[in-house]
Amino acid sequence: QVQLVESGGGAVQAGGSLRLSCVASGSIFGFDTMAWYRQVPGKQRELVAFISRGDSTVYADSVKGRFTISRDNAKNTVYLQMNSLKPDDTAVYYCNRLTSWYQWGQGTQVTVSS
């Protein structure tokens, strides 16, 4: 059974940076296209970025140029470097596969104040 554990969230002021990490235990991580999602209470979960097993990346327009997704297959870990944070980035952030989702982890809260 795959377990996803996100970490690295916190409270920052607008313009600040955070680096999120997600460890996927029990998966054939290197073959998966991994993604970061975020969710605000009362709204649908939003796809933020994803990275293929070949390290191709795609970003939502709202984060393009500010966020960078990367992966370390040896550590079964996917990262999200978030720079120039805005209050609209406030959400709980989750990682998962792009499709055929594993069971969701607990997420990590990111709060950006103006």
N, C-alpha and C. Protein backbone atom coordinates (compact mmCIF):
# COMPACT_ATOMS: atom_id res chain seq x y z
N GLN A 1 0.85 -1.19 0.00
CA GLN A 1 0.00 0.00 0.00
C GLN A 1 0.89 1.24 0.00
N VAL A 2 0.59 2.15 -0.89
CA VAL A 2 1.40 3.37 -1.02
C VAL A 2 0.96 4.39 0.02
N GLN A 3 1.93 5.00 0.65
CA GLN A 3 1.65 6.07 1.60
C GLN A 3 2.35 7.34 1.14
N LEU A 4 1.59 8.42 1.09
CA LEU A 4 2.11 9.72 0.68
C LEU A 4 2.19 10.62 1.91
N VAL A 5 3.36 11.20 2.14
CA VAL A 5 3.55 12.07 3.30
C VAL A 5 4.13 13.39 2.84
N GLU A 6 3.33 14.44 2.95
CA GLU A 6 3.75 15.78 2.55
C GLU A 6 4.28 16.55 3.76
N SER A 7 5.22 17.45 3.51
CA SER A 7 5.77 18.27 4.57
C SER A 7 6.34 19.55 3.98
N GLY A 8 6.68 20.49 4.84
CA GLY A 8 7.34 21.71 4.41
C GLY A 8 6.47 22.95 4.37
N GLY A 9 5.19 22.79 4.63
CA GLY A 9 4.31 23.94 4.63
C GLY A 9 4.58 24.85 5.81
N GLY A 10 3.89 25.98 5.82
CA GLY A 10 4.04 26.93 6.90
C GLY A 10 3.36 28.24 6.58
N ALA A 11 3.63 29.23 7.43
CA ALA A 11 3.06 30.56 7.25
C ALA A 11 4.17 31.51 6.84
N VAL A 12 3.95 32.21 5.73
CA VAL A 12 4.94 33.17 5.21
C VAL A 12 4.22 34.43 4.76
N GLN A 13 4.99 35.48 4.62
CA GLN A 13 4.44 36.71 4.06
C GLN A 13 4.51 36.66 2.53
N ALA A 14 3.69 37.45 1.92
CA ALA A 14 3.71 37.55 0.46
C ALA A 14 5.12 37.88 -0.02
N GLY A 15 5.53 37.21 -1.09
CA GLY A 15 6.87 37.37 -1.60
C GLY A 15 7.87 36.36 -1.07
N GLY A 16 7.47 35.62 -0.06
CA GLY A 16 8.34 34.64 0.54
C GLY A 16 8.39 33.34 -0.25
N SER A 17 9.15 32.38 0.30
CA SER A 17 9.36 31.10 -0.37
C SER A 17 9.16 29.94 0.61
N LEU A 18 8.75 28.83 0.06
CA LEU A 18 8.67 27.57 0.80
C LEU A 18 9.06 26.44 -0.14
N ARG A 19 9.56 25.35 0.44
CA ARG A 19 9.85 24.15 -0.33
C ARG A 19 9.10 22.99 0.28
N LEU A 20 8.19 22.44 -0.48
CA LEU A 20 7.41 21.30 -0.04
C LEU A 20 8.09 20.01 -0.48
N SER A 21 7.92 18.98 0.33
CA SER A 21 8.43 17.65 0.01
C SER A 21 7.32 16.63 0.16
N CYS A 22 7.40 15.58 -0.64
CA CYS A 22 6.43 14.49 -0.54
C CYS A 22 7.18 13.18 -0.74
N VAL A 23 7.11 12.33 0.27
CA VAL A 23 7.73 11.01 0.19
C VAL A 23 6.64 9.99 -0.11
N ALA A 24 6.89 9.18 -1.13
CA ALA A 24 5.93 8.14 -1.52
C ALA A 24 6.54 6.78 -1.20
N SER A 25 6.07 6.20 -0.13
CA SER A 25 6.61 4.90 0.27
C SER A 25 5.77 3.78 -0.33
N GLY A 26 6.43 2.72 -0.73
CA GLY A 26 5.70 1.56 -1.22
C GLY A 26 5.29 1.62 -2.67
N SER A 27 5.78 2.58 -3.43
CA SER A 27 5.38 2.69 -4.83
C SER A 27 6.58 2.46 -5.74
N ILE A 28 6.29 2.16 -7.00
CA ILE A 28 7.34 2.11 -8.00
C ILE A 28 7.49 3.54 -8.50
N PHE A 29 8.06 4.36 -7.65
CA PHE A 29 8.01 5.81 -7.81
C PHE A 29 8.55 6.26 -9.15
N GLY A 30 9.64 5.65 -9.60
CA GLY A 30 10.30 6.13 -10.81
C GLY A 30 9.45 6.03 -12.05
N PHE A 31 8.40 5.23 -12.04
CA PHE A 31 7.57 5.07 -13.22
C PHE A 31 6.34 5.99 -13.21
N ASP A 32 6.14 6.69 -12.12
CA ASP A 32 4.93 7.49 -11.98
C ASP A 32 5.15 8.92 -12.42
N THR A 33 4.14 9.49 -13.08
CA THR A 33 4.08 10.94 -13.23
C THR A 33 3.47 11.48 -11.94
N MET A 34 4.24 12.29 -11.25
CA MET A 34 3.82 12.79 -9.95
C MET A 34 3.38 14.24 -10.06
N ALA A 35 2.44 14.60 -9.21
CA ALA A 35 1.84 15.93 -9.28
C ALA A 35 1.66 16.52 -7.90
N TRP A 36 1.61 17.82 -7.88
CA TRP A 36 1.19 18.57 -6.70
C TRP A 36 -0.18 19.18 -6.98
N TYR A 37 -1.02 19.11 -5.96
CA TYR A 37 -2.36 19.67 -6.01
C TYR A 37 -2.52 20.59 -4.81
N ARG A 38 -3.53 21.44 -4.86
CA ARG A 38 -3.86 22.25 -3.69
C ARG A 38 -5.37 22.40 -3.58
N GLN A 39 -5.81 22.62 -2.36
CA GLN A 39 -7.24 22.73 -2.13
C GLN A 39 -7.51 23.75 -1.04
N VAL A 40 -8.48 24.59 -1.34
CA VAL A 40 -8.99 25.57 -0.38
C VAL A 40 -10.34 25.06 0.10
N PRO A 41 -10.66 25.19 1.37
CA PRO A 41 -11.96 24.70 1.86
C PRO A 41 -13.12 25.24 1.03
N GLY A 42 -14.00 24.32 0.64
CA GLY A 42 -15.17 24.71 -0.13
C GLY A 42 -14.94 24.75 -1.63
N LYS A 43 -13.71 24.48 -2.05
CA LYS A 43 -13.40 24.49 -3.48
C LYS A 43 -12.83 23.14 -3.90
N GLN A 44 -12.85 22.90 -5.20
CA GLN A 44 -12.30 21.65 -5.73
C GLN A 44 -10.78 21.66 -5.64
N ARG A 45 -10.24 20.47 -5.56
CA ARG A 45 -8.80 20.33 -5.58
C ARG A 45 -8.27 20.78 -6.94
N GLU A 46 -7.18 21.53 -6.94
CA GLU A 46 -6.63 22.13 -8.15
C GLU A 46 -5.26 21.53 -8.45
N LEU A 47 -5.03 21.19 -9.70
CA LEU A 47 -3.73 20.70 -10.12
C LEU A 47 -2.76 21.88 -10.23
N VAL A 48 -1.62 21.78 -9.56
CA VAL A 48 -0.64 22.86 -9.55
C VAL A 48 0.47 22.61 -10.55
N ALA A 49 1.02 21.40 -10.54
CA ALA A 49 2.14 21.07 -11.42
C ALA A 49 2.31 19.56 -11.45
N PHE A 50 2.92 19.05 -12.52
CA PHE A 50 3.27 17.65 -12.53
C PHE A 50 4.59 17.43 -13.26
N ILE A 51 5.21 16.30 -12.94
CA ILE A 51 6.51 15.96 -13.53
C ILE A 51 6.48 14.50 -13.96
N SER A 52 6.88 14.26 -15.18
CA SER A 52 6.87 12.90 -15.72
C SER A 52 8.09 12.13 -15.24
N ARG A 53 8.09 10.85 -15.54
CA ARG A 53 9.25 10.05 -15.15
C ARG A 53 10.49 10.46 -15.94
N GLY A 54 10.30 11.16 -17.05
CA GLY A 54 11.41 11.69 -17.82
C GLY A 54 11.75 13.12 -17.46
N ASP A 55 11.16 13.62 -16.38
CA ASP A 55 11.41 14.96 -15.85
C ASP A 55 10.83 16.09 -16.70
N SER A 56 9.89 15.79 -17.58
CA SER A 56 9.14 16.86 -18.23
C SER A 56 8.17 17.45 -17.21
N THR A 57 8.00 18.76 -17.24
CA THR A 57 7.16 19.43 -16.25
C THR A 57 6.07 20.27 -16.92
N VAL A 58 4.96 20.40 -16.22
CA VAL A 58 3.85 21.24 -16.66
C VAL A 58 3.33 21.96 -15.43
N TYR A 59 2.97 23.24 -15.61
CA TYR A 59 2.51 24.06 -14.50
C TYR A 59 1.17 24.70 -14.82
N ALA A 60 0.37 24.91 -13.78
CA ALA A 60 -0.82 25.72 -13.92
C ALA A 60 -0.40 27.16 -14.23
N ASP A 61 -1.21 27.85 -15.00
CA ASP A 61 -0.87 29.22 -15.37
C ASP A 61 -0.67 30.10 -14.13
N SER A 62 -1.41 29.82 -13.09
CA SER A 62 -1.36 30.66 -11.89
C SER A 62 -0.03 30.57 -11.14
N VAL A 63 0.76 29.53 -11.40
CA VAL A 63 2.02 29.37 -10.68
C VAL A 63 3.23 29.38 -11.60
N LYS A 64 3.00 29.44 -12.90
CA LYS A 64 4.09 29.38 -13.87
C LYS A 64 5.08 30.52 -13.62
N GLY A 65 6.36 30.16 -13.59
CA GLY A 65 7.40 31.15 -13.36
C GLY A 65 7.71 31.39 -11.89
N ARG A 66 6.88 30.86 -11.01
CA ARG A 66 7.10 31.04 -9.56
C ARG A 66 7.38 29.72 -8.85
N PHE A 67 6.77 28.65 -9.33
CA PHE A 67 6.91 27.34 -8.69
C PHE A 67 7.76 26.43 -9.58
N THR A 68 8.51 25.53 -8.92
CA THR A 68 9.30 24.54 -9.64
C THR A 68 9.10 23.17 -9.01
N ILE A 69 8.68 22.22 -9.83
CA ILE A 69 8.52 20.85 -9.36
C ILE A 69 9.76 20.05 -9.76
N SER A 70 10.18 19.16 -8.87
CA SER A 70 11.34 18.31 -9.17
C SER A 70 11.15 16.99 -8.43
N ARG A 71 12.02 16.04 -8.74
CA ARG A 71 11.89 14.73 -8.12
C ARG A 71 13.26 14.11 -7.89
N ASP A 72 13.33 13.26 -6.89
CA ASP A 72 14.52 12.47 -6.62
C ASP A 72 14.05 11.02 -6.51
N ASN A 73 14.22 10.26 -7.58
CA ASN A 73 13.69 8.90 -7.60
C ASN A 73 14.38 8.01 -6.58
N ALA A 74 15.65 8.28 -6.30
CA ALA A 74 16.37 7.47 -5.33
C ALA A 74 15.78 7.61 -3.93
N LYS A 75 15.14 8.74 -3.68
CA LYS A 75 14.55 9.01 -2.37
C LYS A 75 13.02 8.90 -2.40
N ASN A 76 12.46 8.48 -3.55
CA ASN A 76 11.00 8.40 -3.68
C ASN A 76 10.34 9.71 -3.26
N THR A 77 10.93 10.82 -3.65
CA THR A 77 10.48 12.12 -3.17
C THR A 77 10.25 13.08 -4.33
N VAL A 78 9.17 13.83 -4.23
CA VAL A 78 8.89 14.91 -5.18
C VAL A 78 8.84 16.21 -4.39
N TYR A 79 9.35 17.26 -4.99
CA TYR A 79 9.47 18.56 -4.33
C TYR A 79 8.66 19.62 -5.07
N LEU A 80 8.30 20.67 -4.35
CA LEU A 80 7.71 21.84 -4.97
C LEU A 80 8.35 23.07 -4.34
N GLN A 81 9.20 23.72 -5.11
CA GLN A 81 9.81 24.98 -4.68
C GLN A 81 8.86 26.10 -5.05
N MET A 82 8.46 26.86 -4.06
CA MET A 82 7.48 27.92 -4.28
C MET A 82 8.11 29.26 -3.92
N ASN A 83 8.25 30.12 -4.90
CA ASN A 83 8.82 31.45 -4.73
C ASN A 83 7.78 32.51 -5.02
N SER A 84 8.05 33.72 -4.59
CA SER A 84 7.15 34.86 -4.85
C SER A 84 5.71 34.50 -4.48
N LEU A 85 5.55 33.96 -3.31
CA LEU A 85 4.24 33.48 -2.89
C LEU A 85 3.25 34.64 -2.75
N LYS A 86 2.00 34.33 -3.07
CA LYS A 86 0.91 35.30 -3.01
C LYS A 86 -0.16 34.78 -2.05
N PRO A 87 -0.97 35.67 -1.50
CA PRO A 87 -2.07 35.21 -0.64
C PRO A 87 -2.97 34.18 -1.32
N ASP A 88 -3.15 34.28 -2.63
CA ASP A 88 -3.98 33.32 -3.36
C ASP A 88 -3.38 31.92 -3.38
N ASP A 89 -2.12 31.78 -2.99
CA ASP A 89 -1.50 30.46 -2.92
C ASP A 89 -1.85 29.73 -1.63
N THR A 90 -2.52 30.40 -0.72
CA THR A 90 -2.91 29.78 0.53
C THR A 90 -3.83 28.60 0.27
N ALA A 91 -3.45 27.44 0.78
CA ALA A 91 -4.21 26.20 0.55
C ALA A 91 -3.52 25.06 1.28
N VAL A 92 -4.18 23.92 1.29
CA VAL A 92 -3.52 22.67 1.69
C VAL A 92 -2.97 22.04 0.42
N TYR A 93 -1.70 21.69 0.45
CA TYR A 93 -1.03 21.12 -0.72
C TYR A 93 -0.86 19.62 -0.54
N TYR A 94 -1.16 18.90 -1.62
CA TYR A 94 -1.07 17.46 -1.63
C TYR A 94 -0.24 17.00 -2.83
N CYS A 95 0.39 15.85 -2.69
CA CYS A 95 1.01 15.22 -3.86
C CYS A 95 0.27 13.93 -4.15
N ASN A 96 0.36 13.49 -5.38
CA ASN A 96 -0.23 12.22 -5.80
C ASN A 96 0.20 11.98 -7.24
N ARG A 97 -0.17 10.82 -7.75
CA ARG A 97 0.05 10.60 -9.17
C ARG A 97 -0.87 11.54 -9.96
N LEU A 98 -0.54 11.74 -11.22
CA LEU A 98 -1.38 12.58 -12.06
C LEU A 98 -2.71 11.88 -12.35
N THR A 99 -2.68 10.60 -12.54
CA THR A 99 -3.89 9.81 -12.76
C THR A 99 -3.84 8.58 -11.87
N SER A 100 -4.95 7.85 -11.79
CA SER A 100 -5.02 6.66 -10.95
C SER A 100 -4.43 6.94 -9.57
N TRP A 101 -5.09 7.85 -8.91
CA TRP A 101 -4.56 8.35 -7.63
C TRP A 101 -4.39 7.25 -6.60
N TYR A 102 -3.32 7.40 -5.83
CA TYR A 102 -3.17 6.64 -4.59
C TYR A 102 -4.09 7.26 -3.53
N GLN A 103 -4.16 6.63 -2.38
CA GLN A 103 -4.89 7.23 -1.27
C GLN A 103 -4.19 8.54 -0.89
N TRP A 104 -4.98 9.57 -0.70
CA TRP A 104 -4.41 10.89 -0.43
C TRP A 104 -3.77 10.94 0.95
N GLY A 105 -2.68 11.70 1.03
CA GLY A 105 -2.05 11.94 2.32
C GLY A 105 -2.77 13.04 3.08
N GLN A 106 -2.15 13.47 4.15
CA GLN A 106 -2.79 14.49 4.99
C GLN A 106 -2.59 15.90 4.45
N GLY A 107 -1.67 16.06 3.53
CA GLY A 107 -1.40 17.38 2.98
C GLY A 107 -0.55 18.22 3.92
N THR A 108 -0.14 19.37 3.41
CA THR A 108 0.62 20.32 4.22
C THR A 108 0.05 21.72 3.97
N GLN A 109 -0.20 22.43 5.04
CA GLN A 109 -0.86 23.73 4.95
C GLN A 109 0.15 24.82 4.59
N VAL A 110 -0.21 25.62 3.61
CA VAL A 110 0.56 26.80 3.23
C VAL A 110 -0.33 28.01 3.42
N THR A 111 0.14 28.95 4.21
CA THR A 111 -0.61 30.18 4.47
C THR A 111 0.26 31.37 4.13
N VAL A 112 -0.23 32.20 3.21
CA VAL A 112 0.52 33.38 2.76
C VAL A 112 -0.26 34.62 3.16
N SER A 113 0.35 35.46 3.94
CA SER A 113 -0.30 36.68 4.40
C SER A 113 0.19 37.87 3.58
N SER A 114 -0.70 38.85 3.46
CA SER A 114 -0.36 40.04 2.66
C SER A 114 0.34 41.09 3.50
